[in-house]
Amino acid sequence: MKQIWIVDDDEEMARAVTLMLKLLDCSARHFLNARGAAKELLDGFRPDLLLLDINMPEVTGIMMLEFVRRRPEWNDLPIVMLSSEATDIQVDEAMRLGADAYILKPVTIDEIEQTLQRVWQKYEK
């Protein structure tokens, strides 16, 4: 069973995404901020995929994306950005910094499933 970490300060959204992931036979762990997820990564724990909200206080999803991509040992960690905003500038920046996909909130289970399949196929090659 694949484990996905959701980093999102919106608990209600994270609960909804967690339920969708369970229906897709994935386990999910929720972090209210990027610092908690970063600490777990530094402690040696690692998910199969990170779902990062962009707009969070203190440490944004973009900052977390940059943090992960600066570490060679996490270069093969799939990262999907999740946001209620999707300007061309935001999407371009996230993709340039190493995001594998970008999902606009509110998200559907079909969007999550298709995105996960596409991202994991990329890493299986």
PDB file of N, CA and C in Angstrom:
ATOM      1  N   MET A   1       0.845  -1.177   0.000  1.00  0.00           N
ATOM      2  CA  MET A   1       0.000   0.000   0.000  1.00  0.00           C
ATOM      3  C   MET A   1       0.892   1.243   0.000  1.00  0.00           C
ATOM      4  N   LYS A   2       0.664   2.128  -0.944  1.00  0.00           N
ATOM      5  CA  LYS A   2       1.458   3.353  -1.049  1.00  0.00           C
ATOM      6  C   LYS A   2       1.041   4.341   0.045  1.00  0.00           C
ATOM      7  N   GLN A   3       2.050   5.020   0.605  1.00  0.00           N
ATOM      8  CA  GLN A   3       1.775   6.019   1.626  1.00  0.00           C
ATOM      9  C   GLN A   3       1.981   7.416   1.047  1.00  0.00           C
ATOM     10  N   ILE A   4       0.999   8.259   1.268  1.00  0.00           N
ATOM     11  CA  ILE A   4       1.035   9.628   0.777  1.00  0.00           C
ATOM     12  C   ILE A   4       0.940  10.574   1.955  1.00  0.00           C
ATOM     13  N   TRP A   5       1.827  11.560   1.966  1.00  0.00           N
ATOM     14  CA  TRP A   5       1.775  12.603   2.977  1.00  0.00           C
ATOM     15  C   TRP A   5       1.087  13.812   2.381  1.00  0.00           C
ATOM     16  N   ILE A   6       0.073  14.301   3.089  1.00  0.00           N
ATOM     17  CA  ILE A   6      -0.639  15.508   2.700  1.00  0.00           C
ATOM     18  C   ILE A   6      -0.160  16.625   3.604  1.00  0.00           C
ATOM     19  N   VAL A   7       0.383  17.673   3.020  1.00  0.00           N
ATOM     20  CA  VAL A   7       0.847  18.828   3.795  1.00  0.00           C
ATOM     21  C   VAL A   7      -0.080  19.983   3.436  1.00  0.00           C
ATOM     22  N   ASP A   8      -1.013  20.268   4.344  1.00  0.00           N
ATOM     23  CA  ASP A   8      -2.046  21.262   4.074  1.00  0.00           C
ATOM     24  C   ASP A   8      -2.567  21.798   5.401  1.00  0.00           C
ATOM     25  N   ASP A   9      -2.633  23.114   5.532  1.00  0.00           N
ATOM     26  CA  ASP A   9      -3.122  23.713   6.766  1.00  0.00           C
ATOM     27  C   ASP A   9      -4.647  23.672   6.869  1.00  0.00           C
ATOM     28  N   ASP A  10      -5.331  23.253   5.828  1.00  0.00           N
ATOM     29  CA  ASP A  10      -6.784  23.138   5.821  1.00  0.00           C
ATOM     30  C   ASP A  10      -7.162  21.704   6.209  1.00  0.00           C
ATOM     31  N   GLU A  11      -7.544  21.529   7.476  1.00  0.00           N
ATOM     32  CA  GLU A  11      -7.839  20.181   7.980  1.00  0.00           C
ATOM     33  C   GLU A  11      -9.001  19.520   7.257  1.00  0.00           C
ATOM     34  N   GLU A  12     -10.017  20.296   6.929  1.00  0.00           N
ATOM     35  CA  GLU A  12     -11.182  19.733   6.246  1.00  0.00           C
ATOM     36  C   GLU A  12     -10.801  19.188   4.865  1.00  0.00           C
ATOM     37  N   MET A  13     -10.011  19.953   4.138  1.00  0.00           N
ATOM     38  CA  MET A  13      -9.550  19.499   2.818  1.00  0.00           C
ATOM     39  C   MET A  13      -8.688  18.252   2.966  1.00  0.00           C
ATOM     40  N   ALA A  14      -7.802  18.255   3.938  1.00  0.00           N
ATOM     41  CA  ALA A  14      -6.922  17.101   4.148  1.00  0.00           C
ATOM     42  C   ALA A  14      -7.728  15.852   4.494  1.00  0.00           C
ATOM     43  N   ARG A  15      -8.771  16.007   5.291  1.00  0.00           N
ATOM     44  CA  ARG A  15      -9.622  14.853   5.625  1.00  0.00           C
ATOM     45  C   ARG A  15     -10.311  14.313   4.371  1.00  0.00           C
ATOM     46  N   ALA A  16     -10.810  15.214   3.529  1.00  0.00           N
ATOM     47  CA  ALA A  16     -11.473  14.782   2.297  1.00  0.00           C
ATOM     48  C   ALA A  16     -10.498  14.050   1.384  1.00  0.00           C
ATOM     49  N   VAL A  17      -9.297  14.588   1.230  1.00  0.00           N
ATOM     50  CA  VAL A  17      -8.291  13.940   0.381  1.00  0.00           C
ATOM     51  C   VAL A  17      -7.875  12.601   0.981  1.00  0.00           C
ATOM     52  N   THR A  18      -7.747  12.538   2.282  1.00  0.00           N
ATOM     53  CA  THR A  18      -7.407  11.279   2.960  1.00  0.00           C
ATOM     54  C   THR A  18      -8.444  10.201   2.658  1.00  0.00           C
ATOM     55  N   LEU A  19      -9.711  10.551   2.730  1.00  0.00           N
ATOM     56  CA  LEU A  19     -10.771   9.584   2.427  1.00  0.00           C
ATOM     57  C   LEU A  19     -10.687   9.115   0.974  1.00  0.00           C
ATOM     58  N   MET A  20     -10.435  10.051   0.073  1.00  0.00           N
ATOM     59  CA  MET A  20     -10.304   9.665  -1.339  1.00  0.00           C
ATOM     60  C   MET A  20      -9.123   8.715  -1.537  1.00  0.00           C
ATOM     61  N   LEU A  21      -8.013   9.011  -0.876  1.00  0.00           N
ATOM     62  CA  LEU A  21      -6.830   8.160  -1.000  1.00  0.00           C
ATOM     63  C   LEU A  21      -7.091   6.762  -0.463  1.00  0.00           C
ATOM     64  N   LYS A  22      -7.844   6.665   0.631  1.00  0.00           N
ATOM     65  CA  LYS A  22      -8.186   5.351   1.176  1.00  0.00           C
ATOM     66  C   LYS A  22      -9.013   4.553   0.174  1.00  0.00           C
ATOM     67  N   LEU A  23      -9.914   5.225  -0.521  1.00  0.00           N
ATOM     68  CA  LEU A  23     -10.712   4.554  -1.550  1.00  0.00           C
ATOM     69  C   LEU A  23      -9.846   4.080  -2.718  1.00  0.00           C
ATOM     70  N   LEU A  24      -8.689   4.701  -2.875  1.00  0.00           N
ATOM     71  CA  LEU A  24      -7.742   4.317  -3.929  1.00  0.00           C
ATOM     72  C   LEU A  24      -6.661   3.368  -3.407  1.00  0.00           C
ATOM     73  N   ASP A  25      -6.912   2.775  -2.239  1.00  0.00           N
ATOM     74  CA  ASP A  25      -5.993   1.823  -1.617  1.00  0.00           C
ATOM     75  C   ASP A  25      -4.634   2.422  -1.279  1.00  0.00           C
ATOM     76  N   CYS A  26      -4.635   3.665  -0.839  1.00  0.00           N
ATOM     77  CA  CYS A  26      -3.412   4.323  -0.366  1.00  0.00           C
ATOM     78  C   CYS A  26      -3.616   4.700   1.096  1.00  0.00           C
ATOM     79  N   SER A  27      -2.532   4.742   1.831  1.00  0.00           N
ATOM     80  CA  SER A  27      -2.630   5.262   3.188  1.00  0.00           C
ATOM     81  C   SER A  27      -2.172   6.710   3.148  1.00  0.00           C
ATOM     82  N   ALA A  28      -2.701   7.503   4.059  1.00  0.00           N
ATOM     83  CA  ALA A  28      -2.382   8.926   4.061  1.00  0.00           C
ATOM     84  C   ALA A  28      -2.026   9.386   5.464  1.00  0.00           C
ATOM     85  N   ARG A  29      -1.120  10.328   5.495  1.00  0.00           N
ATOM     86  CA  ARG A  29      -0.734  10.974   6.753  1.00  0.00           C
ATOM     87  C   ARG A  29      -0.804  12.470   6.509  1.00  0.00           C
ATOM     88  N   HIS A  30      -1.403  13.181   7.449  1.00  0.00           N
ATOM     89  CA  HIS A  30      -1.630  14.611   7.273  1.00  0.00           C
ATOM     90  C   HIS A  30      -0.718  15.433   8.187  1.00  0.00           C
ATOM     91  N   PHE A  31      -0.130  16.462   7.612  1.00  0.00           N
ATOM     92  CA  PHE A  31       0.669  17.433   8.363  1.00  0.00           C
ATOM     93  C   PHE A  31       0.020  18.796   8.176  1.00  0.00           C
ATOM     94  N   LEU A  32      -0.172  19.532   9.266  1.00  0.00           N
ATOM     95  CA  LEU A  32      -0.775  20.856   9.182  1.00  0.00           C
ATOM     96  C   LEU A  32       0.195  21.917   8.676  1.00  0.00           C
ATOM     97  N   ASN A  33       1.480  21.583   8.696  1.00  0.00           N
ATOM     98  CA  ASN A  33       2.476  22.536   8.205  1.00  0.00           C
ATOM     99  C   ASN A  33       3.661  21.780   7.619  1.00  0.00           C
ATOM    100  N   ALA A  34       4.426  22.493   6.825  1.00  0.00           N
ATOM    101  CA  ALA A  34       5.563  21.874   6.144  1.00  0.00           C
ATOM    102  C   ALA A  34       6.680  21.509   7.105  1.00  0.00           C
ATOM    103  N   ARG A  35       6.802  22.224   8.188  1.00  0.00           N
ATOM    104  CA  ARG A  35       7.878  21.927   9.140  1.00  0.00           C
ATOM    105  C   ARG A  35       7.760  20.521   9.707  1.00  0.00           C
ATOM    106  N   GLY A  36       6.550  20.104  10.020  1.00  0.00           N
ATOM    107  CA  GLY A  36       6.350  18.750  10.550  1.00  0.00           C
ATOM    108  C   GLY A  36       6.750  17.681   9.552  1.00  0.00           C
ATOM    109  N   ALA A  37       6.378  17.888   8.305  1.00  0.00           N
ATOM    110  CA  ALA A  37       6.741  16.920   7.265  1.00  0.00           C
ATOM    111  C   ALA A  37       8.246  16.933   7.020  1.00  0.00           C
ATOM    112  N   ALA A  38       8.853  18.121   7.016  1.00  0.00           N
ATOM    113  CA  ALA A  38      10.303  18.224   6.805  1.00  0.00           C
ATOM    114  C   ALA A  38      11.058  17.512   7.921  1.00  0.00           C
ATOM    115  N   LYS A  39      10.593  17.658   9.152  1.00  0.00           N
ATOM    116  CA  LYS A  39      11.250  16.993  10.285  1.00  0.00           C
ATOM    117  C   LYS A  39      11.191  15.479  10.124  1.00  0.00           C
ATOM    118  N   GLU A  40      10.052  14.959   9.712  1.00  0.00           N
ATOM    119  CA  GLU A  40       9.913  13.516   9.512  1.00  0.00           C
ATOM    120  C   GLU A  40      10.854  13.026   8.401  1.00  0.00           C
ATOM    121  N   LEU A  41      10.950  13.794   7.319  1.00  0.00           N
ATOM    122  CA  LEU A  41      11.880  13.427   6.245  1.00  0.00           C
ATOM    123  C   LEU A  41      13.311  13.398   6.760  1.00  0.00           C
ATOM    124  N   LEU A  42      13.681  14.421   7.506  1.00  0.00           N
ATOM    125  CA  LEU A  42      15.041  14.491   8.050  1.00  0.00           C
ATOM    126  C   LEU A  42      15.318  13.375   9.051  1.00  0.00           C
ATOM    127  N   ASP A  43      14.266  12.898   9.710  1.00  0.00           N
ATOM    128  CA  ASP A  43      14.409  11.786  10.652  1.00  0.00           C
ATOM    129  C   ASP A  43      14.456  10.426   9.956  1.00  0.00           C
ATOM    130  N   GLY A  44      14.361  10.423   8.630  1.00  0.00           N
ATOM    131  CA  GLY A  44      14.512   9.180   7.889  1.00  0.00           C
ATOM    132  C   GLY A  44      13.226   8.531   7.434  1.00  0.00           C
ATOM    133  N   PHE A  45      12.091   9.146   7.722  1.00  0.00           N
ATOM    134  CA  PHE A  45      10.823   8.604   7.250  1.00  0.00           C
ATOM    135  C   PHE A  45      10.553   9.176   5.862  1.00  0.00           C
ATOM    136  N   ARG A  46       9.874   8.388   5.027  1.00  0.00           N
ATOM    137  CA  ARG A  46       9.674   8.836   3.657  1.00  0.00           C
ATOM    138  C   ARG A  46       8.379   8.250   3.097  1.00  0.00           C
ATOM    139  N   PRO A  47       7.555   9.106   2.527  1.00  0.00           N
ATOM    140  CA  PRO A  47       6.336   8.607   1.890  1.00  0.00           C
ATOM    141  C   PRO A  47       6.630   8.162   0.457  1.00  0.00           C
ATOM    142  N   ASP A  48       5.619   7.632  -0.193  1.00  0.00           N
ATOM    143  CA  ASP A  48       5.735   7.299  -1.606  1.00  0.00           C
ATOM    144  C   ASP A  48       5.426   8.507  -2.484  1.00  0.00           C
ATOM    145  N   LEU A  49       4.766   9.521  -1.885  1.00  0.00           N
ATOM    146  CA  LEU A  49       4.429  10.733  -2.620  1.00  0.00           C
ATOM    147  C   LEU A  49       4.059  11.833  -1.636  1.00  0.00           C
ATOM    148  N   LEU A  50       4.410  13.066  -1.976  1.00  0.00           N
ATOM    149  CA  LEU A  50       4.021  14.241  -1.195  1.00  0.00           C
ATOM    150  C   LEU A  50       2.948  15.014  -1.950  1.00  0.00           C
ATOM    151  N   LEU A  51       1.876  15.375  -1.253  1.00  0.00           N
ATOM    152  CA  LEU A  51       0.861  16.287  -1.778  1.00  0.00           C
ATOM    153  C   LEU A  51       1.016  17.588  -0.993  1.00  0.00           C
ATOM    154  N   LEU A  52       1.452  18.645  -1.652  1.00  0.00           N
ATOM    155  CA  LEU A  52       1.757  19.903  -0.971  1.00  0.00           C
ATOM    156  C   LEU A  52       0.786  21.005  -1.356  1.00  0.00           C
ATOM    157  N   ASP A  53       0.137  21.582  -0.347  1.00  0.00           N
ATOM    158  CA  ASP A  53      -0.652  22.788  -0.567  1.00  0.00           C
ATOM    159  C   ASP A  53       0.328  23.936  -0.777  1.00  0.00           C
ATOM    160  N   ILE A  54       0.019  24.834  -1.668  1.00  0.00           N
ATOM    161  CA  ILE A  54       0.941  25.946  -1.919  1.00  0.00           C
ATOM    162  C   ILE A  54       0.804  27.027  -0.857  1.00  0.00           C
ATOM    163  N   ASN A  55      -0.422  27.430  -0.559  1.00  0.00           N
ATOM    164  CA  ASN A  55      -0.645  28.565   0.331  1.00  0.00           C
ATOM    165  C   ASN A  55      -0.797  28.130   1.782  1.00  0.00           C
ATOM    166  N   MET A  56       0.320  28.126   2.490  1.00  0.00           N
ATOM    167  CA  MET A  56       0.323  27.825   3.917  1.00  0.00           C
ATOM    168  C   MET A  56       1.109  28.917   4.626  1.00  0.00           C
ATOM    169  N   PRO A  57       0.743  29.192   5.878  1.00  0.00           N
ATOM    170  CA  PRO A  57       1.495  30.211   6.623  1.00  0.00           C
ATOM    171  C   PRO A  57       2.907  29.718   6.956  1.00  0.00           C
ATOM    172  N   GLU A  58       3.793  30.636   7.150  1.00  0.00           N
ATOM    173  CA  GLU A  58       5.191  30.396   7.527  1.00  0.00           C
ATOM    174  C   GLU A  58       5.990  29.717   6.429  1.00  0.00           C
ATOM    175  N   VAL A  59       5.793  28.421   6.215  1.00  0.00           N
ATOM    176  CA  VAL A  59       6.532  27.683   5.191  1.00  0.00           C
ATOM    177  C   VAL A  59       5.531  27.256   4.117  1.00  0.00           C
ATOM    178  N   THR A  60       5.651  27.829   2.937  1.00  0.00           N
ATOM    179  CA  THR A  60       4.710  27.529   1.853  1.00  0.00           C
ATOM    180  C   THR A  60       5.041  26.192   1.203  1.00  0.00           C
ATOM    181  N   GLY A  61       4.116  25.725   0.391  1.00  0.00           N
ATOM    182  CA  GLY A  61       4.365  24.504  -0.359  1.00  0.00           C
ATOM    183  C   GLY A  61       5.520  24.650  -1.332  1.00  0.00           C
ATOM    184  N   ILE A  62       5.681  25.843  -1.894  1.00  0.00           N
ATOM    185  CA  ILE A  62       6.802  26.102  -2.801  1.00  0.00           C
ATOM    186  C   ILE A  62       8.120  26.003  -2.040  1.00  0.00           C
ATOM    187  N   MET A  63       8.154  26.537  -0.834  1.00  0.00           N
ATOM    188  CA  MET A  63       9.374  26.451  -0.019  1.00  0.00           C
ATOM    189  C   MET A  63       9.687  24.995   0.328  1.00  0.00           C
ATOM    190  N   MET A  64       8.654  24.217   0.641  1.00  0.00           N
ATOM    191  CA  MET A  64       8.849  22.798   0.946  1.00  0.00           C
ATOM    192  C   MET A  64       9.336  22.050  -0.294  1.00  0.00           C
ATOM    193  N   LEU A  65       8.772  22.374  -1.443  1.00  0.00           N
ATOM    194  CA  LEU A  65       9.202  21.779  -2.702  1.00  0.00           C
ATOM    195  C   LEU A  65      10.684  22.048  -2.935  1.00  0.00           C
ATOM    196  N   GLU A  66      11.112  23.283  -2.746  1.00  0.00           N
ATOM    197  CA  GLU A  66      12.522  23.636  -2.924  1.00  0.00           C
ATOM    198  C   GLU A  66      13.410  22.886  -1.936  1.00  0.00           C
ATOM    199  N   PHE A  67      12.966  22.779  -0.690  1.00  0.00           N
ATOM    200  CA  PHE A  67      13.713  22.064   0.346  1.00  0.00           C
ATOM    201  C   PHE A  67      13.936  20.604  -0.057  1.00  0.00           C
ATOM    202  N   VAL A  68      12.883  19.948  -0.512  1.00  0.00           N
ATOM    203  CA  VAL A  68      12.982  18.535  -0.889  1.00  0.00           C
ATOM    204  C   VAL A  68      13.875  18.367  -2.113  1.00  0.00           C
ATOM    205  N   ARG A  69      13.707  19.205  -3.101  1.00  0.00           N
ATOM    206  CA  ARG A  69      14.462  19.052  -4.346  1.00  0.00           C
ATOM    207  C   ARG A  69      15.944  19.419  -4.201  1.00  0.00           C
ATOM    208  N   ARG A  70      16.313  20.112  -3.149  1.00  0.00           N
ATOM    209  CA  ARG A  70      17.735  20.416  -2.916  1.00  0.00           C
ATOM    210  C   ARG A  70      18.494  19.219  -2.369  1.00  0.00           C
ATOM    211  N   ARG A  71      17.792  18.219  -1.881  1.00  0.00           N
ATOM    212  CA  ARG A  71      18.432  17.044  -1.288  1.00  0.00           C
ATOM    213  C   ARG A  71      18.478  15.910  -2.307  1.00  0.00           C
ATOM    214  N   PRO A  72      19.684  15.477  -2.698  1.00  0.00           N
ATOM    215  CA  PRO A  72      19.797  14.414  -3.718  1.00  0.00           C
ATOM    216  C   PRO A  72      19.064  13.127  -3.350  1.00  0.00           C
ATOM    217  N   GLU A  73      19.010  12.797  -2.055  1.00  0.00           N
ATOM    218  CA  GLU A  73      18.370  11.549  -1.644  1.00  0.00           C
ATOM    219  C   GLU A  73      16.852  11.570  -1.818  1.00  0.00           C
ATOM    220  N   TRP A  74      16.295  12.744  -2.088  1.00  0.00           N
ATOM    221  CA  TRP A  74      14.850  12.851  -2.288  1.00  0.00           C
ATOM    222  C   TRP A  74      14.496  13.241  -3.721  1.00  0.00           C
ATOM    223  N   ASN A  75      15.446  13.211  -4.632  1.00  0.00           N
ATOM    224  CA  ASN A  75      15.163  13.591  -6.020  1.00  0.00           C
ATOM    225  C   ASN A  75      14.121  12.694  -6.677  1.00  0.00           C
ATOM    226  N   ASP A  76      14.011  11.460  -6.202  1.00  0.00           N
ATOM    227  CA  ASP A  76      13.039  10.543  -6.788  1.00  0.00           C
ATOM    228  C   ASP A  76      11.741  10.470  -5.983  1.00  0.00           C
ATOM    229  N   LEU A  77      11.518  11.446  -5.112  1.00  0.00           N
ATOM    230  CA  LEU A  77      10.280  11.512  -4.336  1.00  0.00           C
ATOM    231  C   LEU A  77       9.241  12.294  -5.145  1.00  0.00           C
ATOM    232  N   PRO A  78       8.178  11.639  -5.586  1.00  0.00           N
ATOM    233  CA  PRO A  78       7.155  12.340  -6.357  1.00  0.00           C
ATOM    234  C   PRO A  78       6.461  13.416  -5.518  1.00  0.00           C
ATOM    235  N   ILE A  79       6.242  14.569  -6.146  1.00  0.00           N
ATOM    236  CA  ILE A  79       5.596  15.685  -5.458  1.00  0.00           C
ATOM    237  C   ILE A  79       4.498  16.247  -6.344  1.00  0.00           C
ATOM    238  N   VAL A  80       3.295  16.328  -5.762  1.00  0.00           N
ATOM    239  CA  VAL A  80       2.146  16.905  -6.440  1.00  0.00           C
ATOM    240  C   VAL A  80       1.713  18.128  -5.649  1.00  0.00           C
ATOM    241  N   MET A  81       1.586  19.243  -6.343  1.00  0.00           N
ATOM    242  CA  MET A  81       1.130  20.473  -5.713  1.00  0.00           C
ATOM    243  C   MET A  81      -0.395  20.492  -5.736  1.00  0.00           C
ATOM    244  N   LEU A  82      -0.967  21.034  -4.667  1.00  0.00           N
ATOM    245  CA  LEU A  82      -2.414  21.083  -4.507  1.00  0.00           C
ATOM    246  C   LEU A  82      -2.762  22.501  -4.088  1.00  0.00           C
ATOM    247  N   SER A  83      -3.580  23.194  -4.853  1.00  0.00           N
ATOM    248  CA  SER A  83      -3.845  24.587  -4.525  1.00  0.00           C
ATOM    249  C   SER A  83      -5.215  25.027  -4.992  1.00  0.00           C
ATOM    250  N   SER A  84      -5.746  26.027  -4.312  1.00  0.00           N
ATOM    251  CA  SER A  84      -7.015  26.622  -4.735  1.00  0.00           C
ATOM    252  C   SER A  84      -6.774  27.696  -5.789  1.00  0.00           C
ATOM    253  N   GLU A  85      -5.518  28.032  -6.003  1.00  0.00           N
ATOM    254  CA  GLU A  85      -5.142  29.013  -7.024  1.00  0.00           C
ATOM    255  C   GLU A  85      -4.221  28.352  -8.033  1.00  0.00           C
ATOM    256  N   ALA A  86      -4.401  28.713  -9.284  1.00  0.00           N
ATOM    257  CA  ALA A  86      -3.534  28.118 -10.303  1.00  0.00           C
ATOM    258  C   ALA A  86      -3.280  29.124 -11.422  1.00  0.00           C
ATOM    259  N   THR A  87      -2.556  30.169 -11.097  1.00  0.00           N
ATOM    260  CA  THR A  87      -2.160  31.083 -12.160  1.00  0.00           C
ATOM    261  C   THR A  87      -1.051  30.411 -12.963  1.00  0.00           C
ATOM    262  N   ASP A  88      -0.890  30.848 -14.191  1.00  0.00           N
ATOM    263  CA  ASP A  88       0.178  30.282 -15.019  1.00  0.00           C
ATOM    264  C   ASP A  88       1.534  30.449 -14.355  1.00  0.00           C
ATOM    265  N   ILE A  89       1.730  31.573 -13.681  1.00  0.00           N
ATOM    266  CA  ILE A  89       3.003  31.840 -13.001  1.00  0.00           C
ATOM    267  C   ILE A  89       3.237  30.823 -11.889  1.00  0.00           C
ATOM    268  N   GLN A  90       2.208  30.546 -11.068  1.00  0.00           N
ATOM    269  CA  GLN A  90       2.347  29.581  -9.973  1.00  0.00           C
ATOM    270  C   GLN A  90       2.632  28.177 -10.497  1.00  0.00           C
ATOM    271  N   VAL A  91       1.881  27.763 -11.487  1.00  0.00           N
ATOM    272  CA  VAL A  91       2.065  26.419 -12.038  1.00  0.00           C
ATOM    273  C   VAL A  91       3.456  26.300 -12.660  1.00  0.00           C
ATOM    274  N   ASP A  92       3.843  27.304 -13.456  1.00  0.00           N
ATOM    275  CA  ASP A  92       5.166  27.279 -14.085  1.00  0.00           C
ATOM    276  C   ASP A  92       6.278  27.223 -13.046  1.00  0.00           C
ATOM    277  N   GLU A  93       6.154  28.010 -11.980  1.00  0.00           N
ATOM    278  CA  GLU A  93       7.182  28.023 -10.931  1.00  0.00           C
ATOM    279  C   GLU A  93       7.277  26.661 -10.255  1.00  0.00           C
ATOM    280  N   ALA A  94       6.134  26.088  -9.914  1.00  0.00           N
ATOM    281  CA  ALA A  94       6.134  24.779  -9.248  1.00  0.00           C
ATOM    282  C   ALA A  94       6.763  23.716 -10.137  1.00  0.00           C
ATOM    283  N   MET A  95       6.425  23.713 -11.396  1.00  0.00           N
ATOM    284  CA  MET A  95       6.968  22.705 -12.315  1.00  0.00           C
ATOM    285  C   MET A  95       8.463  22.933 -12.541  1.00  0.00           C
ATOM    286  N   ARG A  96       8.869  24.184 -12.640  1.00  0.00           N
ATOM    287  CA  ARG A  96      10.291  24.504 -12.826  1.00  0.00           C
ATOM    288  C   ARG A  96      11.112  24.058 -11.617  1.00  0.00           C
ATOM    289  N   LEU A  97      10.512  24.142 -10.429  1.00  0.00           N
ATOM    290  CA  LEU A  97      11.221  23.774  -9.206  1.00  0.00           C
ATOM    291  C   LEU A  97      11.199  22.271  -8.930  1.00  0.00           C
ATOM    292  N   GLY A  98      10.489  21.510  -9.757  1.00  0.00           N
ATOM    293  CA  GLY A  98      10.542  20.059  -9.612  1.00  0.00           C
ATOM    294  C   GLY A  98       9.251  19.369  -9.234  1.00  0.00           C
ATOM    295  N   ALA A  99       8.127  20.068  -9.237  1.00  0.00           N
ATOM    296  CA  ALA A  99       6.855  19.391  -8.985  1.00  0.00           C
ATOM    297  C   ALA A  99       6.549  18.475 -10.165  1.00  0.00           C
ATOM    298  N   ASP A 100       5.887  17.383  -9.872  1.00  0.00           N
ATOM    299  CA  ASP A 100       5.534  16.424 -10.914  1.00  0.00           C
ATOM    300  C   ASP A 100       4.147  16.661 -11.486  1.00  0.00           C
ATOM    301  N   ALA A 101       3.300  17.335 -10.723  1.00  0.00           N
ATOM    302  CA  ALA A 101       1.940  17.620 -11.178  1.00  0.00           C
ATOM    303  C   ALA A 101       1.359  18.732 -10.305  1.00  0.00           C
ATOM    304  N   TYR A 102       0.255  19.281 -10.759  1.00  0.00           N
ATOM    305  CA  TYR A 102      -0.413  20.387 -10.077  1.00  0.00           C
ATOM    306  C   TYR A 102      -1.907  20.114 -10.150  1.00  0.00           C
ATOM    307  N   ILE A 103      -2.561  20.027  -9.008  1.00  0.00           N
ATOM    308  CA  ILE A 103      -4.001  19.768  -8.950  1.00  0.00           C
ATOM    309  C   ILE A 103      -4.683  20.988  -8.339  1.00  0.00           C
ATOM    310  N   LEU A 104      -5.770  21.390  -8.955  1.00  0.00           N
ATOM    311  CA  LEU A 104      -6.535  22.531  -8.463  1.00  0.00           C
ATOM    312  C   LEU A 104      -7.628  22.059  -7.508  1.00  0.00           C
ATOM    313  N   LYS A 105      -7.743  22.736  -6.349  1.00  0.00           N
ATOM    314  CA  LYS A 105      -8.817  22.452  -5.390  1.00  0.00           C
ATOM    315  C   LYS A 105     -10.089  23.138  -5.882  1.00  0.00           C
ATOM    316  N   PRO A 106     -11.255  22.611  -5.581  1.00  0.00           N
ATOM    317  CA  PRO A 106     -11.507  21.324  -4.933  1.00  0.00           C
ATOM    318  C   PRO A 106     -11.204  20.183  -5.900  1.00  0.00           C
ATOM    319  N   VAL A 107     -10.663  19.132  -5.355  1.00  0.00           N
ATOM    320  CA  VAL A 107     -10.190  18.015  -6.149  1.00  0.00           C
ATOM    321  C   VAL A 107     -11.213  16.876  -6.111  1.00  0.00           C
ATOM    322  N   THR A 108     -11.246  16.104  -7.181  1.00  0.00           N
ATOM    323  CA  THR A 108     -12.129  14.933  -7.223  1.00  0.00           C
ATOM    324  C   THR A 108     -11.277  13.674  -7.121  1.00  0.00           C
ATOM    325  N   ILE A 109     -11.923  12.579  -6.785  1.00  0.00           N
ATOM    326  CA  ILE A 109     -11.202  11.318  -6.674  1.00  0.00           C
ATOM    327  C   ILE A 109     -10.634  10.898  -8.038  1.00  0.00           C
ATOM    328  N   ASP A 110     -11.344  11.202  -9.109  1.00  0.00           N
ATOM    329  CA  ASP A 110     -10.845  10.862 -10.445  1.00  0.00           C
ATOM    330  C   ASP A 110      -9.572  11.647 -10.770  1.00  0.00           C
ATOM    331  N   GLU A 111      -9.539  12.926 -10.405  1.00  0.00           N
ATOM    332  CA  GLU A 111      -8.335  13.739 -10.645  1.00  0.00           C
ATOM    333  C   GLU A 111      -7.146  13.187  -9.864  1.00  0.00           C
ATOM    334  N   ILE A 112      -7.400  12.831  -8.613  1.00  0.00           N
ATOM    335  CA  ILE A 112      -6.320  12.282  -7.789  1.00  0.00           C
ATOM    336  C   ILE A 112      -5.824  10.973  -8.390  1.00  0.00           C
ATOM    337  N   GLU A 113      -6.737  10.081  -8.730  1.00  0.00           N
ATOM    338  CA  GLU A 113      -6.344   8.785  -9.273  1.00  0.00           C
ATOM    339  C   GLU A 113      -5.540   8.941 -10.563  1.00  0.00           C
ATOM    340  N   GLN A 114      -6.016   9.755 -11.486  1.00  0.00           N
ATOM    341  CA  GLN A 114      -5.307   9.954 -12.754  1.00  0.00           C
ATOM    342  C   GLN A 114      -3.941  10.582 -12.540  1.00  0.00           C
ATOM    343  N   THR A 115      -3.866  11.545 -11.635  1.00  0.00           N
ATOM    344  CA  THR A 115      -2.591  12.207 -11.367  1.00  0.00           C
ATOM    345  C   THR A 115      -1.601  11.246 -10.735  1.00  0.00           C
ATOM    346  N   LEU A 116      -2.041  10.475  -9.752  1.00  0.00           N
ATOM    347  CA  LEU A 116      -1.152   9.515  -9.100  1.00  0.00           C
ATOM    348  C   LEU A 116      -0.632   8.489 -10.099  1.00  0.00           C
ATOM    349  N   GLN A 117      -1.503   7.970 -10.931  1.00  0.00           N
ATOM    350  CA  GLN A 117      -1.067   6.989 -11.929  1.00  0.00           C
ATOM    351  C   GLN A 117      -0.027   7.585 -12.870  1.00  0.00           C
ATOM    352  N   ARG A 118      -0.278   8.796 -13.338  1.00  0.00           N
ATOM    353  CA  ARG A 118       0.652   9.458 -14.269  1.00  0.00           C
ATOM    354  C   ARG A 118       2.004   9.717 -13.607  1.00  0.00           C
ATOM    355  N   VAL A 119       1.978  10.185 -12.363  1.00  0.00           N
ATOM    356  CA  VAL A 119       3.222  10.506 -11.653  1.00  0.00           C
ATOM    357  C   VAL A 119       4.002   9.234 -11.345  1.00  0.00           C
ATOM    358  N   TRP A 120       3.329   8.200 -10.851  1.00  0.00           N
ATOM    359  CA  TRP A 120       4.049   6.975 -10.514  1.00  0.00           C
ATOM    360  C   TRP A 120       4.613   6.294 -11.762  1.00  0.00           C
ATOM    361  N   GLN A 121       3.921   6.388 -12.884  1.00  0.00           N
ATOM    362  CA  GLN A 121       4.467   5.831 -14.130  1.00  0.00           C
ATOM    363  C   GLN A 121       5.762   6.514 -14.513  1.00  0.00           C
ATOM    364  N   LYS A 122       5.832   7.797 -14.279  1.00  0.00           N
ATOM    365  CA  LYS A 122       7.038   8.560 -14.577  1.00  0.00           C
ATOM    366  C   LYS A 122       8.242   8.023 -13.790  1.00  0.00           C
ATOM    367  N   TYR A 123       8.018   7.632 -12.542  1.00  0.00           N
ATOM    368  CA  TYR A 123       9.111   7.180 -11.683  1.00  0.00           C
ATOM    369  C   TYR A 123       9.438   5.708 -11.864  1.00  0.00           C
ATOM    370  N   GLU A 124       8.545   4.955 -12.500  1.00  0.00           N
ATOM    371  CA  GLU A 124       8.797   3.522 -12.718  1.00  0.00           C
ATOM    372  C   GLU A 124       9.764   3.306 -13.868  1.00  0.00           C
ATOM    373  N   LYS A 125       9.970   4.290 -14.683  1.00  0.00           N
ATOM    374  CA  LYS A 125      10.832   4.143 -15.863  1.00  0.00           C
ATOM    375  C   LYS A 125      12.286   4.114 -15.492  1.00  0.00           C
TER     376      LYS A 125
END
